[in-house]
């Protein structure tokens, strides 16, 4: 049961990032426009996509998952601060808190490792 739950936990953390990266590829122009509205240069989008997809896959597979967890935790806090810090909007507040909760999951993954069913346990 522990092996399955550690894999399921990693899969659930990874899913949102893998799908977000794919969606950014499919809506590349719209995403660059959205980023620029918040003062984020469009040249950061390819790196963002790579981090989301490759980092998500690393967490899912348990391949250097501690490193991926820290990178995605920092990214997730930065995204929360940049895109979801309008606390007068209830939806943005919930999205901000969602990002903090995801960051908490990544910090646990970093602290305790990926658990069972991994490519490696780095």
N, C-alpha and C. Protein backbone atom coordinates (compact mmCIF):
# COMPACT_ATOMS: atom_id res chain seq x y z
N UNK A 1 0.82 -1.19 0.00
CA UNK A 1 0.00 0.00 0.00
C UNK A 1 0.86 1.26 0.00
N UNK A 2 1.96 1.25 0.77
CA UNK A 2 2.85 2.41 0.81
C UNK A 2 3.47 2.69 -0.55
N UNK A 3 3.88 1.63 -1.25
CA UNK A 3 4.47 1.81 -2.58
C UNK A 3 3.46 2.43 -3.54
N UNK A 4 2.25 1.95 -3.52
CA UNK A 4 1.22 2.48 -4.41
C UNK A 4 0.90 3.93 -4.06
N UNK A 5 0.82 4.25 -2.78
CA UNK A 5 0.47 5.61 -2.40
C UNK A 5 1.60 6.59 -2.72
N UNK A 6 2.84 6.17 -2.59
CA UNK A 6 3.93 7.09 -2.95
C UNK A 6 3.94 7.34 -4.46
N UNK A 7 3.68 6.30 -5.25
CA UNK A 7 3.60 6.49 -6.70
C UNK A 7 2.40 7.35 -7.06
N UNK A 8 1.25 7.09 -6.46
CA UNK A 8 0.06 7.88 -6.76
C UNK A 8 0.26 9.34 -6.37
N UNK A 9 0.88 9.59 -5.24
CA UNK A 9 1.18 10.96 -4.82
C UNK A 9 2.06 11.68 -5.82
N UNK A 10 3.12 11.00 -6.29
CA UNK A 10 3.99 11.60 -7.31
C UNK A 10 3.23 11.84 -8.60
N UNK A 11 2.39 10.88 -8.98
CA UNK A 11 1.62 11.01 -10.23
C UNK A 11 0.67 12.21 -10.16
N UNK A 12 0.03 12.39 -9.03
CA UNK A 12 -0.91 13.51 -8.90
C UNK A 12 -0.18 14.85 -8.89
N UNK A 13 0.99 14.92 -8.27
CA UNK A 13 1.79 16.14 -8.32
C UNK A 13 2.27 16.42 -9.75
N UNK A 14 2.68 15.37 -10.44
CA UNK A 14 3.25 15.53 -11.78
C UNK A 14 2.20 15.89 -12.83
N UNK A 15 1.02 15.36 -12.69
CA UNK A 15 -0.01 15.50 -13.73
C UNK A 15 -0.29 16.95 -14.09
N UNK A 16 -0.46 17.80 -13.10
CA UNK A 16 -0.80 19.19 -13.38
C UNK A 16 0.29 19.89 -14.19
N UNK A 17 1.55 19.54 -13.94
CA UNK A 17 2.65 20.20 -14.64
C UNK A 17 2.83 19.65 -16.05
N UNK A 18 2.70 18.35 -16.21
CA UNK A 18 2.82 17.76 -17.55
C UNK A 18 1.72 18.32 -18.45
N UNK A 19 0.49 18.34 -17.96
CA UNK A 19 -0.62 18.86 -18.76
C UNK A 19 -0.48 20.36 -19.02
N UNK A 20 -0.02 21.11 -18.02
CA UNK A 20 0.18 22.55 -18.21
C UNK A 20 1.23 22.83 -19.28
N UNK A 21 2.30 22.07 -19.28
CA UNK A 21 3.33 22.24 -20.30
C UNK A 21 2.80 21.94 -21.69
N UNK A 22 2.05 20.86 -21.81
CA UNK A 22 1.45 20.51 -23.11
C UNK A 22 0.47 21.60 -23.56
N UNK A 23 -0.34 22.09 -22.64
CA UNK A 23 -1.29 23.15 -22.98
C UNK A 23 -0.57 24.43 -23.41
N UNK A 24 0.57 24.72 -22.82
CA UNK A 24 1.33 25.90 -23.22
C UNK A 24 1.88 25.75 -24.63
N UNK A 25 2.25 24.56 -25.01
CA UNK A 25 2.70 24.31 -26.38
C UNK A 25 1.53 24.53 -27.34
N UNK A 26 0.39 23.97 -27.01
CA UNK A 26 -0.78 24.08 -27.88
C UNK A 26 -1.30 25.51 -27.98
N UNK A 27 -1.15 26.30 -26.94
CA UNK A 27 -1.61 27.68 -26.94
C UNK A 27 -0.45 28.64 -26.76
N UNK A 28 0.60 28.42 -27.51
CA UNK A 28 1.86 29.15 -27.33
C UNK A 28 1.67 30.66 -27.39
N UNK A 29 1.01 31.15 -28.44
CA UNK A 29 0.83 32.59 -28.61
C UNK A 29 -0.01 33.19 -27.48
N UNK A 30 -1.10 32.52 -27.13
CA UNK A 30 -1.95 33.01 -26.04
C UNK A 30 -1.18 33.04 -24.72
N UNK A 31 -0.36 32.04 -24.50
CA UNK A 31 0.42 31.98 -23.26
C UNK A 31 1.45 33.10 -23.20
N UNK A 32 2.11 33.38 -24.32
CA UNK A 32 3.07 34.49 -24.31
C UNK A 32 2.36 35.81 -24.03
N UNK A 33 1.19 36.00 -24.60
CA UNK A 33 0.43 37.21 -24.33
C UNK A 33 0.05 37.34 -22.87
N UNK A 34 -0.39 36.23 -22.28
CA UNK A 34 -0.77 36.22 -20.86
C UNK A 34 0.43 36.55 -19.98
N UNK A 35 1.57 35.93 -20.28
CA UNK A 35 2.77 36.17 -19.49
C UNK A 35 3.17 37.64 -19.58
N UNK A 36 3.12 38.21 -20.78
CA UNK A 36 3.54 39.59 -20.98
C UNK A 36 2.63 40.58 -20.25
N UNK A 37 1.36 40.21 -20.06
CA UNK A 37 0.45 41.07 -19.28
C UNK A 37 0.95 41.26 -17.85
N UNK A 38 1.70 40.29 -17.36
CA UNK A 38 2.23 40.34 -16.00
C UNK A 38 3.70 40.74 -15.96
N UNK A 39 4.23 41.19 -17.10
CA UNK A 39 5.61 41.63 -17.16
C UNK A 39 6.63 40.52 -17.28
N UNK A 40 6.19 39.32 -17.61
CA UNK A 40 7.10 38.18 -17.75
C UNK A 40 7.48 38.07 -19.23
N UNK A 41 8.77 38.13 -19.55
CA UNK A 41 9.18 38.08 -20.95
C UNK A 41 8.85 36.75 -21.62
N UNK A 42 8.42 36.82 -22.87
CA UNK A 42 8.04 35.63 -23.63
C UNK A 42 9.21 34.67 -23.81
N UNK A 43 10.42 35.17 -23.76
CA UNK A 43 11.58 34.29 -23.95
C UNK A 43 11.72 33.26 -22.84
N UNK A 44 10.98 33.43 -21.73
CA UNK A 44 11.01 32.44 -20.65
C UNK A 44 10.07 31.26 -20.91
N UNK A 45 9.20 31.38 -21.91
CA UNK A 45 8.22 30.32 -22.13
C UNK A 45 8.83 28.97 -22.49
N UNK A 46 9.80 28.87 -23.40
CA UNK A 46 10.37 27.54 -23.69
C UNK A 46 10.95 26.86 -22.44
N UNK A 47 11.63 27.62 -21.59
CA UNK A 47 12.16 27.04 -20.35
C UNK A 47 11.07 26.62 -19.40
N UNK A 48 10.00 27.40 -19.36
CA UNK A 48 8.86 27.06 -18.52
C UNK A 48 8.24 25.75 -18.97
N UNK A 49 8.05 25.63 -20.27
CA UNK A 49 7.47 24.40 -20.82
C UNK A 49 8.37 23.21 -20.51
N UNK A 50 9.66 23.37 -20.72
CA UNK A 50 10.60 22.28 -20.44
C UNK A 50 10.58 21.89 -18.97
N UNK A 51 10.58 22.89 -18.08
CA UNK A 51 10.55 22.59 -16.65
C UNK A 51 9.27 21.85 -16.28
N UNK A 52 8.14 22.32 -16.78
CA UNK A 52 6.88 21.68 -16.42
C UNK A 52 6.81 20.24 -16.93
N UNK A 53 7.15 20.03 -18.19
CA UNK A 53 7.03 18.68 -18.76
C UNK A 53 8.13 17.76 -18.23
N UNK A 54 9.38 18.18 -18.33
CA UNK A 54 10.49 17.31 -17.90
C UNK A 54 10.52 17.15 -16.38
N UNK A 55 10.25 18.23 -15.66
CA UNK A 55 10.18 18.13 -14.20
C UNK A 55 9.03 17.24 -13.76
N UNK A 56 7.89 17.40 -14.41
CA UNK A 56 6.74 16.54 -14.11
C UNK A 56 7.03 15.08 -14.38
N UNK A 57 7.67 14.80 -15.52
CA UNK A 57 8.02 13.41 -15.84
C UNK A 57 9.05 12.85 -14.86
N UNK A 58 9.99 13.69 -14.42
CA UNK A 58 10.99 13.25 -13.44
C UNK A 58 10.33 12.89 -12.12
N UNK A 59 9.39 13.72 -11.67
CA UNK A 59 8.66 13.42 -10.43
C UNK A 59 7.87 12.14 -10.60
N UNK A 60 7.17 12.01 -11.71
CA UNK A 60 6.37 10.82 -11.97
C UNK A 60 7.22 9.55 -11.93
N UNK A 61 8.35 9.59 -12.61
CA UNK A 61 9.21 8.41 -12.71
C UNK A 61 10.06 8.18 -11.47
N UNK A 62 10.19 9.19 -10.63
CA UNK A 62 11.11 9.06 -9.50
C UNK A 62 12.55 9.13 -9.96
N UNK A 63 12.81 9.91 -11.00
CA UNK A 63 14.14 10.08 -11.58
C UNK A 63 14.65 11.46 -11.19
N UNK A 64 15.62 11.50 -10.27
CA UNK A 64 16.08 12.77 -9.71
C UNK A 64 14.90 13.61 -9.23
N UNK A 65 13.99 12.94 -8.56
CA UNK A 65 12.75 13.59 -8.15
C UNK A 65 12.96 14.65 -7.08
N UNK A 66 13.97 14.51 -6.25
CA UNK A 66 14.23 15.54 -5.24
C UNK A 66 14.65 16.85 -5.91
N UNK A 67 15.52 16.76 -6.89
CA UNK A 67 15.95 17.95 -7.64
C UNK A 67 14.76 18.55 -8.38
N UNK A 68 13.98 17.71 -9.05
CA UNK A 68 12.80 18.19 -9.76
C UNK A 68 11.80 18.82 -8.80
N UNK A 69 11.65 18.23 -7.62
CA UNK A 69 10.70 18.76 -6.63
C UNK A 69 11.10 20.15 -6.17
N UNK A 70 12.37 20.37 -5.92
CA UNK A 70 12.82 21.70 -5.50
C UNK A 70 12.65 22.71 -6.63
N UNK A 71 13.02 22.32 -7.84
CA UNK A 71 12.86 23.23 -8.98
C UNK A 71 11.39 23.60 -9.20
N UNK A 72 10.52 22.61 -9.13
CA UNK A 72 9.09 22.87 -9.33
C UNK A 72 8.49 23.63 -8.14
N UNK A 73 9.00 23.42 -6.95
CA UNK A 73 8.51 24.16 -5.78
C UNK A 73 8.83 25.65 -5.94
N UNK A 74 10.06 25.96 -6.32
CA UNK A 74 10.45 27.36 -6.52
C UNK A 74 9.62 27.97 -7.65
N UNK A 75 9.47 27.25 -8.74
CA UNK A 75 8.68 27.71 -9.88
C UNK A 75 7.23 27.97 -9.45
N UNK A 76 6.66 27.07 -8.67
CA UNK A 76 5.26 27.17 -8.26
C UNK A 76 5.03 28.37 -7.34
N UNK A 77 5.96 28.63 -6.43
CA UNK A 77 5.84 29.82 -5.57
C UNK A 77 5.98 31.08 -6.42
N UNK A 78 6.93 31.09 -7.34
CA UNK A 78 7.10 32.27 -8.22
C UNK A 78 5.83 32.51 -9.04
N UNK A 79 5.26 31.45 -9.58
CA UNK A 79 4.02 31.59 -10.37
C UNK A 79 2.89 32.12 -9.51
N UNK A 80 2.80 31.66 -8.28
CA UNK A 80 1.76 32.13 -7.37
C UNK A 80 1.92 33.63 -7.12
N UNK A 81 3.15 34.05 -6.84
CA UNK A 81 3.40 35.46 -6.54
C UNK A 81 3.16 36.36 -7.76
N UNK A 82 3.52 35.88 -8.93
CA UNK A 82 3.38 36.70 -10.15
C UNK A 82 1.94 36.72 -10.66
N UNK A 83 1.32 35.55 -10.76
CA UNK A 83 0.05 35.44 -11.46
C UNK A 83 -1.19 35.37 -10.57
N UNK A 84 -1.01 35.06 -9.29
CA UNK A 84 -2.18 34.83 -8.43
C UNK A 84 -2.16 35.63 -7.12
N UNK A 85 -1.54 36.80 -7.14
CA UNK A 85 -1.40 37.56 -5.89
C UNK A 85 -2.45 38.67 -5.73
N UNK A 86 -3.47 38.67 -6.56
CA UNK A 86 -4.57 39.63 -6.41
C UNK A 86 -5.55 39.07 -5.39
N UNK A 87 -5.31 39.33 -4.12
CA UNK A 87 -6.10 38.72 -3.05
C UNK A 87 -7.48 39.34 -2.89
N UNK A 88 -7.78 40.39 -3.65
CA UNK A 88 -9.15 40.92 -3.64
C UNK A 88 -10.08 40.07 -4.50
N UNK A 89 -9.50 39.21 -5.34
CA UNK A 89 -10.25 38.29 -6.20
C UNK A 89 -10.21 36.91 -5.52
N UNK A 90 -11.38 36.42 -5.12
CA UNK A 90 -11.45 35.12 -4.41
C UNK A 90 -10.86 33.98 -5.22
N UNK A 91 -11.07 33.98 -6.53
CA UNK A 91 -10.53 32.91 -7.39
C UNK A 91 -9.01 32.93 -7.36
N UNK A 92 -8.43 34.12 -7.45
CA UNK A 92 -6.97 34.23 -7.41
C UNK A 92 -6.41 33.81 -6.05
N UNK A 93 -7.14 34.10 -5.00
CA UNK A 93 -6.72 33.67 -3.66
C UNK A 93 -6.69 32.14 -3.58
N UNK A 94 -7.72 31.50 -4.11
CA UNK A 94 -7.76 30.03 -4.11
C UNK A 94 -6.62 29.47 -4.96
N UNK A 95 -6.36 30.06 -6.12
CA UNK A 95 -5.26 29.59 -6.97
C UNK A 95 -3.91 29.80 -6.28
N UNK A 96 -3.76 30.90 -5.56
CA UNK A 96 -2.54 31.15 -4.79
C UNK A 96 -2.34 30.06 -3.74
N UNK A 97 -3.40 29.77 -3.00
CA UNK A 97 -3.33 28.74 -1.96
C UNK A 97 -3.10 27.35 -2.56
N UNK A 98 -3.70 27.08 -3.73
CA UNK A 98 -3.46 25.81 -4.43
C UNK A 98 -1.98 25.67 -4.75
N UNK A 99 -1.36 26.75 -5.23
CA UNK A 99 0.06 26.70 -5.52
C UNK A 99 0.89 26.44 -4.26
N UNK A 100 0.49 27.06 -3.16
CA UNK A 100 1.21 26.81 -1.90
C UNK A 100 1.05 25.35 -1.46
N UNK A 101 -0.13 24.78 -1.63
CA UNK A 101 -0.36 23.38 -1.27
C UNK A 101 0.50 22.45 -2.12
N UNK A 102 0.57 22.74 -3.41
CA UNK A 102 1.42 21.94 -4.31
C UNK A 102 2.88 22.06 -3.88
N UNK A 103 3.29 23.27 -3.53
CA UNK A 103 4.66 23.48 -3.05
C UNK A 103 4.92 22.64 -1.80
N UNK A 104 3.93 22.57 -0.92
CA UNK A 104 4.07 21.72 0.27
C UNK A 104 4.29 20.26 -0.10
N UNK A 105 3.57 19.78 -1.09
CA UNK A 105 3.78 18.41 -1.57
C UNK A 105 5.19 18.21 -2.10
N UNK A 106 5.68 19.19 -2.84
CA UNK A 106 7.05 19.08 -3.36
C UNK A 106 8.09 19.13 -2.25
N UNK A 107 7.84 19.92 -1.23
CA UNK A 107 8.78 19.96 -0.10
C UNK A 107 8.80 18.62 0.65
N UNK A 108 7.64 18.00 0.77
CA UNK A 108 7.61 16.65 1.37
C UNK A 108 8.35 15.64 0.51
N UNK A 109 8.17 15.73 -0.80
CA UNK A 109 8.88 14.84 -1.72
C UNK A 109 10.39 15.05 -1.58
N UNK A 110 10.81 16.30 -1.50
CA UNK A 110 12.23 16.59 -1.33
C UNK A 110 12.75 16.02 -0.01
N UNK A 111 12.00 16.23 1.07
CA UNK A 111 12.46 15.82 2.40
C UNK A 111 12.49 14.30 2.57
N UNK A 112 11.50 13.61 2.01
CA UNK A 112 11.35 12.17 2.28
C UNK A 112 11.70 11.28 1.10
N UNK A 113 11.95 11.87 -0.04
CA UNK A 113 12.28 11.09 -1.22
C UNK A 113 11.04 10.57 -1.92
N UNK A 114 11.23 9.93 -3.07
CA UNK A 114 10.12 9.54 -3.91
C UNK A 114 9.39 8.27 -3.47
N UNK A 115 9.94 7.53 -2.53
CA UNK A 115 9.30 6.29 -2.13
C UNK A 115 9.59 5.17 -3.13
N UNK A 116 8.65 4.26 -3.24
CA UNK A 116 8.84 3.08 -4.08
C UNK A 116 8.45 3.35 -5.54
N UNK A 117 8.72 2.35 -6.35
CA UNK A 117 8.38 2.35 -7.78
C UNK A 117 9.01 3.55 -8.49
N UNK A 118 10.34 3.63 -8.41
CA UNK A 118 11.06 4.72 -9.03
C UNK A 118 12.12 4.20 -9.99
N UNK A 119 12.54 5.10 -10.90
CA UNK A 119 13.66 4.78 -11.78
C UNK A 119 14.95 4.81 -10.97
N UNK A 120 15.10 5.79 -10.12
CA UNK A 120 16.19 5.85 -9.14
C UNK A 120 15.68 6.64 -7.95
N UNK A 121 16.42 6.67 -6.89
CA UNK A 121 15.93 7.34 -5.68
C UNK A 121 16.73 8.59 -5.35
N UNK A 122 17.18 9.30 -6.35
CA UNK A 122 17.97 10.52 -6.12
C UNK A 122 17.10 11.64 -5.62
